[in-house]
Amino acid sequence: MGNERMPSWRAGTTRDAITAFLDAVEDVPVDDRVAYFDNDGTLWCERPSYVQFDFFVDALRRRVDADQDLADRPEFAALLAGDAVRRAHHAAIRLAAGTVVVAHFHGIAETAPLGPVQRGL
């Protein structure tokens, strides 16, 4: 089978290893097969969205429940509405990594954010 499985990949040791694995797994019954593949080698969920991003949007929703004025900020409204176009307009990566985190955790003790994480485990 080989190369036609991964036509967008350059020939090389990585591609050869993956196709060799796929050839070998044909001998394993379908019900016994479990495999995780990710382009960067992690097992983080990236689609439909990043787990970390979903965590912060959920945290923002709870924060907005306590302070409705936050929902009037355009960048937060875009995040809460799930509007990808407006979110991109407001630089979603910067918002998710900075503004939302600061707004949510402002004034909270340094260890307090661990509570929701620990409860989720």
Protein backbone atom coordinates (compact mmCIF):
# COMPACT_ATOMS: atom_id res chain seq x y z
CA MET A 1 0.00 0.00 0.00
CA GLY A 2 2.76 2.41 1.05
CA ASN A 3 2.96 5.89 -0.42
CA GLU A 4 -0.58 6.41 -1.73
CA ARG A 5 -1.79 6.52 1.90
CA MET A 6 0.03 9.76 2.64
CA PRO A 7 0.41 11.60 -0.67
CA SER A 8 1.02 14.99 0.95
CA TRP A 9 3.98 13.70 3.01
CA ARG A 10 7.55 13.86 1.75
CA ALA A 11 9.34 10.54 1.46
CA GLY A 12 11.54 9.87 4.47
CA THR A 13 12.04 7.87 7.63
CA THR A 14 9.00 9.26 9.45
CA ARG A 15 6.62 8.52 6.59
CA ASP A 16 8.21 5.09 6.09
CA ALA A 17 7.77 4.29 9.80
CA ILE A 18 4.11 5.28 9.76
CA THR A 19 3.30 3.33 6.61
CA ALA A 20 5.23 0.31 7.97
CA PHE A 21 3.14 0.52 11.13
CA LEU A 22 -0.06 0.70 9.07
CA ASP A 23 1.04 -2.32 7.05
CA ALA A 24 1.81 -4.27 10.25
CA VAL A 25 -1.47 -3.36 11.96
CA GLU A 26 -3.42 -5.08 9.19
CA ASP A 27 -2.71 -8.33 11.09
CA VAL A 28 -4.40 -6.97 14.26
CA PRO A 29 -8.17 -7.57 14.46
CA VAL A 30 -10.11 -4.33 13.96
CA ASP A 31 -11.75 -4.55 17.41
CA ASP A 32 -8.28 -4.66 19.04
CA ARG A 33 -6.93 -1.56 17.28
CA VAL A 34 -6.48 1.73 19.12
CA ALA A 35 -4.21 4.47 17.82
CA TYR A 36 -3.78 8.20 18.40
CA PHE A 37 -2.01 10.34 15.84
CA ASP A 38 -1.41 14.05 16.08
CA ASN A 39 0.82 16.26 13.95
CA ASP A 40 2.80 17.58 16.90
CA GLY A 41 3.01 14.34 18.86
CA THR A 42 0.61 15.33 21.64
CA LEU A 43 -2.74 13.89 22.64
CA TRP A 44 -4.38 17.30 23.16
CA CYS A 45 -7.72 17.72 21.49
CA GLU A 46 -7.43 20.42 18.82
CA ARG A 47 -10.70 20.04 16.96
CA PRO A 48 -13.37 21.32 17.17
CA SER A 49 -11.35 23.56 19.50
CA TYR A 50 -8.52 23.48 21.99
CA VAL A 51 -9.42 22.15 25.43
CA GLN A 52 -7.61 25.07 27.06
CA PHE A 53 -9.63 27.55 25.00
CA ASP A 54 -12.90 25.87 25.99
CA PHE A 55 -11.83 25.99 29.65
CA PHE A 56 -11.28 29.75 29.50
CA VAL A 57 -14.52 30.45 27.61
CA ASP A 58 -16.37 28.44 30.26
CA ALA A 59 -14.56 30.41 32.98
CA LEU A 60 -15.53 33.65 31.21
CA ARG A 61 -19.19 32.55 31.12
CA ARG A 62 -19.12 32.01 34.89
CA ARG A 63 -17.42 35.36 35.37
CA VAL A 64 -20.09 37.08 33.23
CA ASP A 65 -22.77 35.47 35.39
CA ALA A 66 -21.25 37.37 38.31
CA ASP A 67 -20.56 40.61 36.36
CA GLN A 68 -22.95 41.21 33.44
CA ASP A 69 -20.99 44.30 32.32
CA LEU A 70 -18.28 42.00 30.97
CA ALA A 71 -20.74 40.66 28.38
CA ASP A 72 -20.92 44.15 26.85
CA ARG A 73 -17.25 44.18 25.94
CA PRO A 74 -17.05 43.37 22.21
CA GLU A 75 -14.15 40.95 22.53
CA PHE A 76 -15.89 38.99 25.28
CA ALA A 77 -19.23 39.08 23.44
CA ALA A 78 -17.52 37.53 20.40
CA LEU A 79 -16.04 34.76 22.52
CA LEU A 80 -19.30 34.06 24.30
CA ALA A 81 -21.29 34.02 21.05
CA GLY A 82 -18.82 31.65 19.39
CA ASP A 83 -18.55 34.09 16.49
CA ALA A 84 -15.31 33.12 14.75
CA VAL A 85 -15.29 36.17 12.47
CA ARG A 86 -15.75 38.67 15.29
CA ARG A 87 -13.39 36.66 17.49
CA ALA A 88 -10.69 36.84 14.81
CA HIS A 89 -11.33 40.55 14.51
CA HIS A 90 -10.58 40.94 18.20
CA ALA A 91 -7.44 38.77 18.04
CA ALA A 92 -8.74 35.62 19.69
CA ILE A 93 -5.33 34.21 20.51
CA ARG A 94 -4.35 37.35 22.41
CA LEU A 95 -7.71 37.38 24.15
CA ALA A 96 -7.65 33.73 25.11
CA ALA A 97 -4.06 33.85 26.26
CA GLY A 98 -4.14 37.22 27.98
CA THR A 99 -7.19 39.40 28.40
CA VAL A 100 -9.65 36.67 29.30
CA VAL A 101 -7.23 35.06 31.75
CA VAL A 102 -6.44 38.35 33.45
CA ALA A 103 -10.10 39.39 33.58
CA HIS A 104 -11.15 36.06 35.01
CA PHE A 105 -8.37 35.61 37.55
CA HIS A 106 -7.83 39.27 38.53
CA GLY A 107 -7.73 39.54 42.30
CA ILE A 108 -7.94 35.79 42.84
CA ALA A 109 -5.36 34.04 45.00
CA GLU A 110 -2.56 32.42 43.01
CA THR A 111 -3.69 28.87 43.84
CA ALA A 112 -7.42 29.48 43.38
CA PRO A 113 -7.48 28.56 39.65
CA LEU A 114 -6.44 25.03 40.61
CA GLY A 115 -9.86 24.42 42.17
CA PRO A 116 -11.81 24.07 38.89
CA VAL A 117 -9.02 21.97 37.41
CA GLN A 118 -8.91 19.63 40.39
CA ARG A 119 -12.71 19.30 40.44
CA GLY A 120 -12.63 18.39 36.76
CA LEU A 121 -10.23 15.50 37.26
